[in-house]
Amino acid sequence: MNHEPLYRHLVTTLNRELRADSNGRTGFCILASATLLEVLDHLQIAAQPLRVEAVVYPPPDHPSEHYPCALGSDGDGTRRPAAKPDMWHGHLAVLTHDNFLLDATLDQVNEGNPWLDARPFVATVPLDFGIVWFGLDRDHTTWHPLESWQTPWPDTRVRYLAFPGRGGFKSAPDWRPSHRRELVATLLRATTGPLDGLYARMSSDV
């Protein structure tokens, strides 16, 4: 069964709900990932949290002062100061059993960086991936895999680096079920009604 339409619907809906509750901000990767994981579990779709580093690059024709922005950087090897209370240095996404990477809050890099035009991320990644590159289509809705950062691409690019097995996010308040209860209910409601036809189309793809 092709779950990509469902993943796109969930990620888009979640991103919209996060923005509505926080004056347009989406810097809530732990809350978003925990919500997606619980919703996918309700839908009997296996998935796991995955710490990643995401670096978003502007289109190549932008001025040099329009720099990239990194989420969840692992640093340069030197000892880093502790995160502020209730905060975490990393960036969290969701990896599904069918190798889709879901990042509902990638567009937080746009805040304060108007030359970036990242959108929520849904795309397949290689099994046990280390580093992968994607480019955002001109329609600003679809991420396509790139061979490397040097691959010609007209618009925004992102580089993901995976850190499997990292679990520091589990002590953050946004990982608690009580923090995501309303978001989970909203997304589960969003999987009925408008998606009735979607499920029918997905079933026909089996």
N, C-alpha and C. Protein backbone atom coordinates (compact mmCIF):
# COMPACT_ATOMS: atom_id res chain seq x y z
N MET A 1 0.84 -1.20 0.00
CA MET A 1 0.00 0.00 0.00
C MET A 1 0.88 1.25 0.00
N ASN A 2 0.56 2.19 -0.83
CA ASN A 2 1.30 3.44 -0.91
C ASN A 2 0.76 4.42 0.12
N HIS A 3 1.55 4.68 1.17
CA HIS A 3 1.10 5.56 2.25
C HIS A 3 1.50 7.02 2.05
N GLU A 4 2.21 7.33 0.96
CA GLU A 4 2.72 8.69 0.79
C GLU A 4 1.62 9.76 0.85
N PRO A 5 0.47 9.58 0.18
CA PRO A 5 -0.58 10.61 0.30
C PRO A 5 -1.03 10.83 1.74
N LEU A 6 -1.12 9.76 2.50
CA LEU A 6 -1.50 9.88 3.91
C LEU A 6 -0.44 10.65 4.68
N TYR A 7 0.83 10.31 4.49
CA TYR A 7 1.91 11.01 5.19
C TYR A 7 1.89 12.50 4.87
N ARG A 8 1.71 12.83 3.61
CA ARG A 8 1.68 14.25 3.23
C ARG A 8 0.50 14.96 3.91
N HIS A 9 -0.62 14.30 3.93
CA HIS A 9 -1.81 14.90 4.56
C HIS A 9 -1.57 15.13 6.06
N LEU A 10 -1.02 14.14 6.74
CA LEU A 10 -0.77 14.27 8.19
C LEU A 10 0.25 15.36 8.48
N VAL A 11 1.34 15.38 7.73
CA VAL A 11 2.40 16.37 7.98
C VAL A 11 1.90 17.78 7.70
N THR A 12 1.17 17.96 6.61
CA THR A 12 0.64 19.28 6.28
C THR A 12 -0.37 19.75 7.32
N THR A 13 -1.25 18.86 7.73
CA THR A 13 -2.25 19.22 8.74
C THR A 13 -1.58 19.56 10.07
N LEU A 14 -0.60 18.77 10.47
CA LEU A 14 0.10 19.02 11.73
C LEU A 14 0.83 20.35 11.69
N ASN A 15 1.52 20.62 10.59
CA ASN A 15 2.23 21.89 10.45
C ASN A 15 1.26 23.07 10.58
N ARG A 16 0.11 22.96 9.95
CA ARG A 16 -0.90 24.03 10.02
C ARG A 16 -1.40 24.21 11.45
N GLU A 17 -1.63 23.12 12.17
CA GLU A 17 -2.11 23.21 13.54
C GLU A 17 -1.06 23.82 14.46
N LEU A 18 0.19 23.46 14.27
CA LEU A 18 1.27 24.04 15.08
C LEU A 18 1.34 25.55 14.86
N ARG A 19 1.23 25.97 13.62
CA ARG A 19 1.29 27.40 13.31
C ARG A 19 0.12 28.14 13.96
N ALA A 20 -1.06 27.53 13.91
CA ALA A 20 -2.25 28.18 14.46
C ALA A 20 -2.14 28.38 15.97
N ASP A 21 -1.42 27.48 16.64
CA ASP A 21 -1.32 27.53 18.09
C ASP A 21 -0.13 28.35 18.58
N SER A 22 0.72 28.84 17.67
CA SER A 22 1.96 29.49 18.12
C SER A 22 2.32 30.71 17.28
N ASN A 23 1.32 31.41 16.78
CA ASN A 23 1.56 32.64 16.00
C ASN A 23 2.48 32.41 14.81
N GLY A 24 2.28 31.28 14.14
CA GLY A 24 3.02 31.02 12.91
C GLY A 24 4.35 30.32 13.08
N ARG A 25 4.74 30.01 14.30
CA ARG A 25 6.03 29.35 14.52
C ARG A 25 5.86 27.83 14.44
N THR A 26 6.94 27.14 14.04
CA THR A 26 6.88 25.68 13.94
C THR A 26 8.09 25.00 14.60
N GLY A 27 8.74 25.68 15.52
CA GLY A 27 9.92 25.12 16.17
C GLY A 27 9.59 24.14 17.27
N PHE A 28 8.87 23.09 16.91
CA PHE A 28 8.41 22.12 17.91
C PHE A 28 8.61 20.71 17.37
N CYS A 29 9.85 20.35 17.06
CA CYS A 29 10.12 19.08 16.40
C CYS A 29 9.78 17.88 17.28
N ILE A 30 10.00 17.98 18.60
CA ILE A 30 9.70 16.86 19.49
C ILE A 30 8.20 16.66 19.59
N LEU A 31 7.47 17.73 19.79
CA LEU A 31 6.01 17.65 19.85
C LEU A 31 5.44 17.10 18.54
N ALA A 32 5.93 17.60 17.42
CA ALA A 32 5.43 17.16 16.12
C ALA A 32 5.72 15.69 15.89
N SER A 33 6.94 15.25 16.20
CA SER A 33 7.30 13.85 15.97
C SER A 33 6.53 12.92 16.89
N ALA A 34 6.39 13.31 18.15
CA ALA A 34 5.62 12.49 19.09
C ALA A 34 4.17 12.36 18.64
N THR A 35 3.62 13.44 18.13
CA THR A 35 2.24 13.41 17.64
C THR A 35 2.10 12.48 16.44
N LEU A 36 3.00 12.61 15.48
CA LEU A 36 2.96 11.74 14.31
C LEU A 36 3.10 10.27 14.69
N LEU A 37 4.00 9.98 15.62
CA LEU A 37 4.21 8.59 16.03
C LEU A 37 2.95 8.00 16.65
N GLU A 38 2.28 8.77 17.49
CA GLU A 38 1.07 8.25 18.13
C GLU A 38 -0.05 8.06 17.10
N VAL A 39 -0.19 9.01 16.19
CA VAL A 39 -1.22 8.89 15.16
C VAL A 39 -0.94 7.69 14.26
N LEU A 40 0.30 7.52 13.84
CA LEU A 40 0.66 6.38 13.00
C LEU A 40 0.43 5.06 13.73
N ASP A 41 0.69 5.05 15.03
CA ASP A 41 0.43 3.85 15.81
C ASP A 41 -1.06 3.52 15.82
N HIS A 42 -1.91 4.55 15.96
CA HIS A 42 -3.36 4.35 15.90
C HIS A 42 -3.76 3.76 14.55
N LEU A 43 -3.05 4.16 13.50
CA LEU A 43 -3.36 3.70 12.14
C LEU A 43 -2.64 2.40 11.81
N GLN A 44 -1.94 1.83 12.80
CA GLN A 44 -1.22 0.57 12.65
C GLN A 44 -0.15 0.65 11.57
N ILE A 45 0.56 1.78 11.59
CA ILE A 45 1.70 1.98 10.70
C ILE A 45 2.94 2.12 11.57
N ALA A 46 3.88 1.20 11.42
CA ALA A 46 5.08 1.20 12.26
C ALA A 46 5.99 2.36 11.89
N ALA A 47 6.53 3.01 12.92
CA ALA A 47 7.44 4.14 12.70
C ALA A 47 8.28 4.32 13.96
N GLN A 48 9.35 5.09 13.83
CA GLN A 48 10.23 5.33 14.96
C GLN A 48 10.76 6.76 14.91
N PRO A 49 11.09 7.32 16.08
CA PRO A 49 11.71 8.64 16.08
C PRO A 49 13.16 8.54 15.62
N LEU A 50 13.63 9.57 14.96
CA LEU A 50 15.01 9.58 14.47
C LEU A 50 15.60 10.97 14.64
N ARG A 51 16.69 11.04 15.40
CA ARG A 51 17.39 12.32 15.49
C ARG A 51 18.15 12.56 14.19
N VAL A 52 18.03 13.76 13.66
CA VAL A 52 18.70 14.12 12.41
C VAL A 52 19.33 15.50 12.53
N GLU A 53 20.25 15.78 11.64
CA GLU A 53 20.71 17.13 11.38
C GLU A 53 20.17 17.51 10.02
N ALA A 54 19.49 18.64 9.93
CA ALA A 54 18.94 19.10 8.65
C ALA A 54 19.54 20.47 8.35
N VAL A 55 20.20 20.58 7.21
CA VAL A 55 20.79 21.85 6.78
C VAL A 55 20.08 22.28 5.51
N VAL A 56 19.43 23.43 5.55
CA VAL A 56 18.68 23.94 4.40
C VAL A 56 19.50 25.03 3.71
N TYR A 57 19.63 24.90 2.40
CA TYR A 57 20.42 25.82 1.58
C TYR A 57 19.50 26.63 0.67
N PRO A 58 19.81 27.91 0.47
CA PRO A 58 19.00 28.73 -0.44
C PRO A 58 19.30 28.36 -1.89
N PRO A 59 18.50 28.83 -2.82
CA PRO A 59 18.80 28.61 -4.23
C PRO A 59 20.19 29.15 -4.57
N PRO A 60 20.89 28.52 -5.50
CA PRO A 60 22.28 28.89 -5.80
C PRO A 60 22.45 30.29 -6.35
N ASP A 61 21.40 30.92 -6.88
CA ASP A 61 21.55 32.25 -7.45
C ASP A 61 21.35 33.35 -6.43
N HIS A 62 21.19 32.99 -5.14
CA HIS A 62 21.03 34.01 -4.10
C HIS A 62 22.38 34.58 -3.70
N PRO A 63 22.41 35.80 -3.16
CA PRO A 63 23.68 36.41 -2.73
C PRO A 63 24.39 35.56 -1.68
N SER A 64 25.71 35.70 -1.61
CA SER A 64 26.50 34.87 -0.70
C SER A 64 26.15 35.10 0.76
N GLU A 65 25.64 36.28 1.09
CA GLU A 65 25.29 36.54 2.49
C GLU A 65 24.00 35.83 2.90
N HIS A 66 23.33 35.22 1.94
CA HIS A 66 22.16 34.41 2.24
C HIS A 66 22.64 32.99 2.57
N TYR A 67 22.94 32.78 3.82
CA TYR A 67 23.61 31.56 4.26
C TYR A 67 22.60 30.44 4.55
N PRO A 68 23.10 29.20 4.64
CA PRO A 68 22.24 28.08 5.01
C PRO A 68 21.85 28.16 6.49
N CYS A 69 20.94 27.30 6.89
CA CYS A 69 20.53 27.22 8.29
C CYS A 69 20.46 25.75 8.69
N ALA A 70 21.03 25.44 9.85
CA ALA A 70 21.08 24.05 10.32
C ALA A 70 20.16 23.85 11.51
N LEU A 71 19.49 22.72 11.53
CA LEU A 71 18.70 22.27 12.67
C LEU A 71 19.34 21.01 13.23
N GLY A 72 19.53 20.97 14.53
CA GLY A 72 20.03 19.75 15.16
C GLY A 72 21.48 19.45 14.89
N SER A 73 22.31 20.47 14.69
CA SER A 73 23.73 20.25 14.43
C SER A 73 24.37 19.47 15.57
N ASP A 74 25.24 18.53 15.21
CA ASP A 74 25.94 17.74 16.23
C ASP A 74 27.21 18.41 16.69
N GLY A 75 27.45 19.64 16.26
CA GLY A 75 28.61 20.39 16.70
C GLY A 75 29.88 20.02 15.95
N ASP A 76 30.99 20.54 16.44
CA ASP A 76 32.28 20.32 15.77
C ASP A 76 33.18 19.36 16.54
N GLY A 77 32.61 18.64 17.49
CA GLY A 77 33.40 17.70 18.27
C GLY A 77 33.82 18.21 19.63
N THR A 78 33.75 19.52 19.84
CA THR A 78 34.09 20.08 21.14
C THR A 78 32.89 19.96 22.08
N ARG A 79 33.17 20.07 23.38
CA ARG A 79 32.10 19.96 24.37
C ARG A 79 31.15 21.14 24.24
N ARG A 80 29.87 20.85 24.20
CA ARG A 80 28.86 21.89 24.01
C ARG A 80 28.22 22.22 25.35
N PRO A 81 27.82 23.49 25.53
CA PRO A 81 27.10 23.82 26.77
C PRO A 81 25.78 23.09 26.83
N ALA A 82 25.32 22.83 28.03
CA ALA A 82 24.04 22.12 28.21
C ALA A 82 22.90 22.94 27.63
N ALA A 83 21.90 22.24 27.13
CA ALA A 83 20.72 22.94 26.61
C ALA A 83 19.99 23.62 27.76
N LYS A 84 19.26 24.67 27.44
CA LYS A 84 18.46 25.36 28.43
C LYS A 84 17.39 24.43 28.98
N PRO A 85 16.88 24.73 30.19
CA PRO A 85 15.83 23.87 30.76
C PRO A 85 14.68 23.64 29.77
N ASP A 86 14.24 22.40 29.69
CA ASP A 86 13.14 21.98 28.81
C ASP A 86 13.46 22.13 27.33
N MET A 87 14.74 22.30 27.00
CA MET A 87 15.15 22.42 25.61
C MET A 87 16.06 21.24 25.24
N TRP A 88 16.38 21.13 23.95
CA TRP A 88 17.22 20.03 23.45
C TRP A 88 17.98 20.54 22.24
N HIS A 89 19.23 20.12 22.12
CA HIS A 89 20.07 20.62 21.03
C HIS A 89 19.73 19.99 19.68
N GLY A 90 19.07 18.85 19.67
CA GLY A 90 18.89 18.12 18.42
C GLY A 90 17.68 18.53 17.62
N HIS A 91 17.46 17.80 16.53
CA HIS A 91 16.27 17.96 15.70
C HIS A 91 15.69 16.57 15.48
N LEU A 92 14.37 16.44 15.66
CA LEU A 92 13.73 15.13 15.62
C LEU A 92 12.79 15.02 14.44
N ALA A 93 12.85 13.86 13.78
CA ALA A 93 11.94 13.54 12.68
C ALA A 93 11.40 12.14 12.93
N VAL A 94 10.62 11.64 11.98
CA VAL A 94 10.02 10.31 12.09
C VAL A 94 10.41 9.50 10.86
N LEU A 95 10.83 8.25 11.10
CA LEU A 95 11.16 7.33 10.02
C LEU A 95 10.15 6.18 10.04
N THR A 96 9.42 6.01 8.95
CA THR A 96 8.39 4.99 8.90
C THR A 96 8.96 3.64 8.45
N HIS A 97 8.16 2.60 8.63
CA HIS A 97 8.61 1.25 8.27
C HIS A 97 8.87 1.12 6.78
N ASP A 98 8.23 1.95 5.96
CA ASP A 98 8.45 1.91 4.52
C ASP A 98 9.43 2.98 4.05
N ASN A 99 10.29 3.42 4.99
CA ASN A 99 11.42 4.30 4.68
C ASN A 99 11.03 5.69 4.21
N PHE A 100 9.96 6.23 4.74
CA PHE A 100 9.65 7.63 4.52
C PHE A 100 10.16 8.43 5.72
N LEU A 101 10.82 9.53 5.43
CA LEU A 101 11.23 10.46 6.47
C LEU A 101 10.21 11.57 6.53
N LEU A 102 9.66 11.81 7.72
CA LEU A 102 8.64 12.84 7.92
C LEU A 102 9.20 13.90 8.86
N ASP A 103 9.23 15.13 8.38
CA ASP A 103 9.73 16.26 9.18
C ASP A 103 8.74 17.41 9.04
N ALA A 104 7.82 17.47 9.97
CA ALA A 104 6.73 18.46 9.90
C ALA A 104 7.17 19.86 10.25
N THR A 105 8.38 20.03 10.79
CA THR A 105 8.81 21.35 11.25
C THR A 105 10.08 21.85 10.56
N LEU A 106 10.43 21.26 9.41
CA LEU A 106 11.63 21.72 8.72
C LEU A 106 11.53 23.20 8.35
N ASP A 107 10.32 23.68 8.11
CA ASP A 107 10.16 25.07 7.68
C ASP A 107 10.45 26.09 8.77
N GLN A 108 10.78 25.63 9.98
CA GLN A 108 11.16 26.59 11.03
C GLN A 108 12.44 27.34 10.66
N VAL A 109 13.24 26.79 9.73
CA VAL A 109 14.45 27.49 9.31
C VAL A 109 14.14 28.81 8.61
N ASN A 110 12.92 28.94 8.11
CA ASN A 110 12.55 30.18 7.41
C ASN A 110 12.41 31.37 8.35
N GLU A 111 12.21 31.09 9.64
CA GLU A 111 12.02 32.16 10.62
C GLU A 111 13.32 32.94 10.79
N GLY A 112 13.32 34.17 10.41
CA GLY A 112 14.51 35.00 10.49
C GLY A 112 15.44 34.85 9.30
N ASN A 113 15.11 33.94 8.39
CA ASN A 113 15.92 33.72 7.19
C ASN A 113 15.00 33.78 5.97
N PRO A 114 14.55 34.96 5.59
CA PRO A 114 13.54 35.07 4.53
C PRO A 114 13.99 34.57 3.17
N TRP A 115 15.30 34.37 2.97
CA TRP A 115 15.79 33.86 1.70
C TRP A 115 15.63 32.34 1.60
N LEU A 116 15.31 31.68 2.71
CA LEU A 116 15.05 30.25 2.67
C LEU A 116 13.56 30.02 2.42
N ASP A 117 13.26 28.90 1.79
CA ASP A 117 11.87 28.62 1.46
C ASP A 117 11.58 27.14 1.69
N ALA A 118 12.01 26.64 2.86
CA ALA A 118 11.78 25.23 3.17
C ALA A 118 10.31 24.98 3.45
N ARG A 119 9.88 23.78 3.18
CA ARG A 119 8.52 23.34 3.47
C ARG A 119 8.59 22.04 4.27
N PRO A 120 7.51 21.64 4.92
CA PRO A 120 7.52 20.36 5.61
C PRO A 120 7.99 19.25 4.68
N PHE A 121 8.70 18.28 5.25
CA PHE A 121 9.40 17.28 4.44
C PHE A 121 8.73 15.91 4.52
N VAL A 122 8.46 15.33 3.35
CA VAL A 122 7.99 13.94 3.22
C VAL A 122 8.66 13.35 1.99
N ALA A 123 9.48 12.32 2.18
CA ALA A 123 10.12 11.67 1.03
C ALA A 123 10.72 10.35 1.50
N THR A 124 10.94 9.44 0.55
CA THR A 124 11.60 8.19 0.89
C THR A 124 13.10 8.41 1.00
N VAL A 125 13.72 7.67 1.89
CA VAL A 125 15.17 7.73 2.08
C VAL A 125 15.72 6.30 2.01
N PRO A 126 16.99 6.15 1.68
CA PRO A 126 17.57 4.80 1.63
C PRO A 126 17.55 4.14 3.01
N LEU A 127 17.48 2.81 3.00
CA LEU A 127 17.54 2.07 4.25
C LEU A 127 18.87 2.33 4.94
N ASP A 128 18.80 2.61 6.27
CA ASP A 128 20.02 2.89 7.06
C ASP A 128 20.84 4.02 6.45
N PHE A 129 20.16 5.09 6.02
CA PHE A 129 20.87 6.19 5.37
C PHE A 129 21.77 6.93 6.35
N GLY A 130 22.82 7.52 5.80
CA GLY A 130 23.70 8.37 6.58
C GLY A 130 23.46 9.82 6.21
N ILE A 131 23.86 10.20 4.98
CA ILE A 131 23.63 11.54 4.47
C ILE A 131 22.82 11.45 3.19
N VAL A 132 21.80 12.26 3.09
CA VAL A 132 21.00 12.32 1.85
C VAL A 132 20.73 13.78 1.52
N TRP A 133 20.61 14.06 0.22
CA TRP A 133 20.32 15.40 -0.29
C TRP A 133 19.00 15.39 -1.04
N PHE A 134 18.22 16.47 -0.86
CA PHE A 134 16.96 16.62 -1.58
C PHE A 134 16.82 18.06 -2.06
N GLY A 135 16.10 18.22 -3.16
CA GLY A 135 15.81 19.55 -3.70
C GLY A 135 14.31 19.76 -3.74
N LEU A 136 13.88 20.98 -3.44
CA LEU A 136 12.45 21.31 -3.43
C LEU A 136 12.03 21.74 -4.83
N ASP A 137 10.97 21.12 -5.33
CA ASP A 137 10.47 21.41 -6.67
C ASP A 137 10.02 22.86 -6.80
N ARG A 138 9.88 23.30 -8.05
CA ARG A 138 9.42 24.67 -8.30
C ARG A 138 8.01 24.92 -7.78
N ASP A 139 7.23 23.83 -7.67
CA ASP A 139 5.88 24.01 -7.13
C ASP A 139 5.86 24.09 -5.61
N HIS A 140 7.04 23.94 -4.99
CA HIS A 140 7.21 24.08 -3.54
C HIS A 140 6.37 23.07 -2.75
N THR A 141 6.14 21.91 -3.32
CA THR A 141 5.37 20.89 -2.61
C THR A 141 6.09 19.55 -2.54
N THR A 142 7.05 19.30 -3.43
CA THR A 142 7.65 17.97 -3.52
C THR A 142 9.17 18.05 -3.40
N TRP A 143 9.73 17.19 -2.53
CA TRP A 143 11.18 17.07 -2.39
C TRP A 143 11.67 15.89 -3.23
N HIS A 144 12.72 16.13 -4.04
CA HIS A 144 13.27 15.09 -4.89
C HIS A 144 14.71 14.78 -4.48
N PRO A 145 15.11 13.51 -4.50
CA PRO A 145 16.48 13.16 -4.11
C PRO A 145 17.51 13.71 -5.09
N LEU A 146 18.65 14.13 -4.56
CA LEU A 146 19.77 14.61 -5.36
C LEU A 146 20.97 13.71 -5.11
N GLU A 147 21.85 13.61 -6.09
CA GLU A 147 23.03 12.77 -5.92
C GLU A 147 24.02 13.38 -4.93
N SER A 148 24.10 14.69 -4.92
CA SER A 148 25.02 15.39 -4.01
C SER A 148 24.64 16.86 -3.99
N TRP A 149 25.36 17.63 -3.17
CA TRP A 149 25.09 19.06 -3.11
C TRP A 149 25.44 19.76 -4.41
N GLN A 150 26.27 19.14 -5.22
CA GLN A 150 26.69 19.75 -6.48
C GLN A 150 25.67 19.55 -7.60
N THR A 151 24.67 18.70 -7.38
CA THR A 151 23.68 18.46 -8.42
C THR A 151 22.95 19.77 -8.74
N PRO A 152 22.88 20.16 -10.01
CA PRO A 152 22.15 21.40 -10.35
C PRO A 152 20.70 21.33 -9.87
N TRP A 153 20.28 22.39 -9.22
CA TRP A 153 18.90 22.42 -8.72
C TRP A 153 18.48 23.88 -8.62
N PRO A 154 17.28 24.22 -9.08
CA PRO A 154 16.90 25.63 -9.16
C PRO A 154 16.47 26.25 -7.84
N ASP A 155 16.05 25.43 -6.88
CA ASP A 155 15.46 25.99 -5.67
C ASP A 155 16.13 25.45 -4.40
N THR A 156 15.40 25.52 -3.30
CA THR A 156 15.92 25.15 -1.99
C THR A 156 16.39 23.70 -1.95
N ARG A 157 17.53 23.48 -1.25
CA ARG A 157 18.05 22.12 -1.03
C ARG A 157 18.14 21.87 0.47
N VAL A 158 18.07 20.59 0.85
CA VAL A 158 18.26 20.20 2.25
C VAL A 158 19.17 18.98 2.29
N ARG A 159 20.03 18.96 3.30
CA ARG A 159 20.88 17.80 3.55
C ARG A 159 20.50 17.22 4.91
N TYR A 160 20.16 15.96 4.92
CA TYR A 160 19.85 15.27 6.17
C TYR A 160 20.99 14.32 6.55
N LEU A 161 21.35 14.36 7.81
CA LEU A 161 22.33 13.45 8.38
C LEU A 161 21.65 12.75 9.56
N ALA A 162 21.67 11.42 9.57
CA ALA A 162 20.95 10.65 10.58
C ALA A 162 21.84 10.31 11.76
N PHE A 163 21.25 10.35 12.96
CA PHE A 163 21.93 9.92 14.19
C PHE A 163 21.05 8.88 14.88
N PRO A 164 21.02 7.66 14.37
CA PRO A 164 20.15 6.64 14.97
C PRO A 164 20.59 6.27 16.38
N GLY A 165 19.63 5.93 17.20
CA GLY A 165 19.93 5.50 18.56
C GLY A 165 20.05 6.61 19.58
N ARG A 166 19.94 7.86 19.17
CA ARG A 166 20.00 8.97 20.11
C ARG A 166 18.63 9.17 20.76
N GLY A 167 18.57 9.30 22.08
CA GLY A 167 17.28 9.39 22.75
C GLY A 167 17.13 10.52 23.74
N GLY A 168 18.00 11.53 23.68
CA GLY A 168 17.92 12.61 24.66
C GLY A 168 16.61 13.37 24.66
N PHE A 169 15.88 13.32 23.56
CA PHE A 169 14.61 14.04 23.44
C PHE A 169 13.54 13.49 24.37
N LYS A 170 13.69 12.27 24.84
CA LYS A 170 12.63 11.63 25.62
C LYS A 170 12.43 12.25 27.00
N SER A 171 13.37 13.07 27.42
CA SER A 171 13.21 13.76 28.71
C SER A 171 12.59 15.14 28.56
N ALA A 172 12.33 15.56 27.33
CA ALA A 172 11.75 16.89 27.09
C ALA A 172 10.25 16.87 27.39
N PRO A 173 9.72 17.97 27.92
CA PRO A 173 8.29 18.03 28.21
C PRO A 173 7.40 17.74 27.01
N ASP A 174 7.82 18.16 25.81
CA ASP A 174 6.99 17.96 24.62
C ASP A 174 6.87 16.50 24.22
N TRP A 175 7.64 15.61 24.86
CA TRP A 175 7.51 14.18 24.58
C TRP A 175 6.37 13.56 25.41
N ARG A 176 5.88 14.29 26.40
CA ARG A 176 4.83 13.75 27.27
C ARG A 176 3.51 13.66 26.52
N PRO A 177 2.76 12.58 26.72
CA PRO A 177 1.48 12.41 26.02
C PRO A 177 0.49 13.54 26.26
N SER A 178 0.53 14.14 27.44
CA SER A 178 -0.42 15.21 27.75
C SER A 178 -0.20 16.43 26.86
N HIS A 179 1.01 16.62 26.36
CA HIS A 179 1.30 17.79 25.54
C HIS A 179 0.75 17.67 24.13
N ARG A 180 0.51 16.43 23.70
CA ARG A 180 0.10 16.23 22.30
C ARG A 180 -1.33 15.72 22.17
N ARG A 181 -2.04 15.62 23.26
CA ARG A 181 -3.36 14.97 23.24
C ARG A 181 -4.30 15.62 22.22
N GLU A 182 -4.38 16.96 22.26
CA GLU A 182 -5.30 17.65 21.35
C GLU A 182 -4.83 17.53 19.89
N LEU A 183 -3.52 17.60 19.67
CA LEU A 183 -3.02 17.47 18.30
C LEU A 183 -3.29 16.08 17.74
N VAL A 184 -3.11 15.06 18.57
CA VAL A 184 -3.39 13.70 18.13
C VAL A 184 -4.85 13.56 17.74
N ALA A 185 -5.74 14.09 18.57
CA ALA A 185 -7.18 14.01 18.27
C ALA A 185 -7.50 14.73 16.96
N THR A 186 -6.88 15.89 16.74
CA THR A 186 -7.12 16.65 15.52
C THR A 186 -6.67 15.86 14.29
N LEU A 187 -5.48 15.26 14.36
CA LEU A 187 -4.97 14.51 13.21
C LEU A 187 -5.78 13.24 12.96
N LEU A 188 -6.24 12.60 14.02
CA LEU A 188 -7.07 11.40 13.81
C LEU A 188 -8.40 11.77 13.17
N ARG A 189 -8.94 12.92 13.56
CA ARG A 189 -10.16 13.38 12.89
C ARG A 189 -9.89 13.67 11.42
N ALA A 190 -8.68 14.14 11.14
CA ALA A 190 -8.32 14.49 9.76
C ALA A 190 -8.13 13.27 8.88
N THR A 191 -8.04 12.09 9.48
CA THR A 191 -7.88 10.87 8.68
C THR A 191 -9.23 10.25 8.33
N THR A 192 -10.32 10.89 8.71
CA THR A 192 -11.65 10.43 8.33
C THR A 192 -12.29 11.49 7.46
N GLY A 193 -13.34 11.15 6.78
CA GLY A 193 -14.02 12.13 5.93
C GLY A 193 -13.23 12.41 4.68
N PRO A 194 -12.36 13.46 4.68
CA PRO A 194 -11.62 13.81 3.47
C PRO A 194 -10.75 12.68 2.94
N LEU A 195 -10.37 11.74 3.83
CA LEU A 195 -9.46 10.69 3.39
C LEU A 195 -10.18 9.41 3.00
N ASP A 196 -11.51 9.38 3.07
CA ASP A 196 -12.22 8.16 2.67
C ASP A 196 -11.85 7.76 1.25
N GLY A 197 -11.89 8.73 0.34
CA GLY A 197 -11.51 8.44 -1.04
C GLY A 197 -10.04 8.12 -1.17
N LEU A 198 -9.21 8.77 -0.32
CA LEU A 198 -7.77 8.52 -0.37
C LEU A 198 -7.47 7.06 -0.03
N TYR A 199 -8.11 6.55 1.04
CA TYR A 199 -7.89 5.18 1.41
C TYR A 199 -8.34 4.22 0.31
N ALA A 200 -9.41 4.57 -0.37
CA ALA A 200 -9.88 3.73 -1.46
C ALA A 200 -8.83 3.67 -2.57
N ARG A 201 -8.23 4.84 -2.89
CA ARG A 201 -7.20 4.87 -3.93
C ARG A 201 -5.95 4.13 -3.48
N MET A 202 -5.61 4.28 -2.18
CA MET A 202 -4.44 3.57 -1.66
C MET A 202 -4.63 2.07 -1.74
N SER A 203 -5.84 1.60 -1.41
CA SER A 203 -6.12 0.18 -1.45
C SER A 203 -6.00 -0.37 -2.86
N SER A 204 -6.36 0.45 -3.84
CA SER A 204 -6.29 -0.01 -5.22
C SER A 204 -4.86 -0.11 -5.72
N ASP A 205 -3.91 0.51 -4.95
CA ASP A 205 -2.51 0.47 -5.35
C ASP A 205 -1.79 -0.75 -4.79
N VAL A 206 -2.47 -1.53 -3.94
CA VAL A 206 -1.81 -2.66 -3.29
C VAL A 206 -1.33 -3.69 -4.34
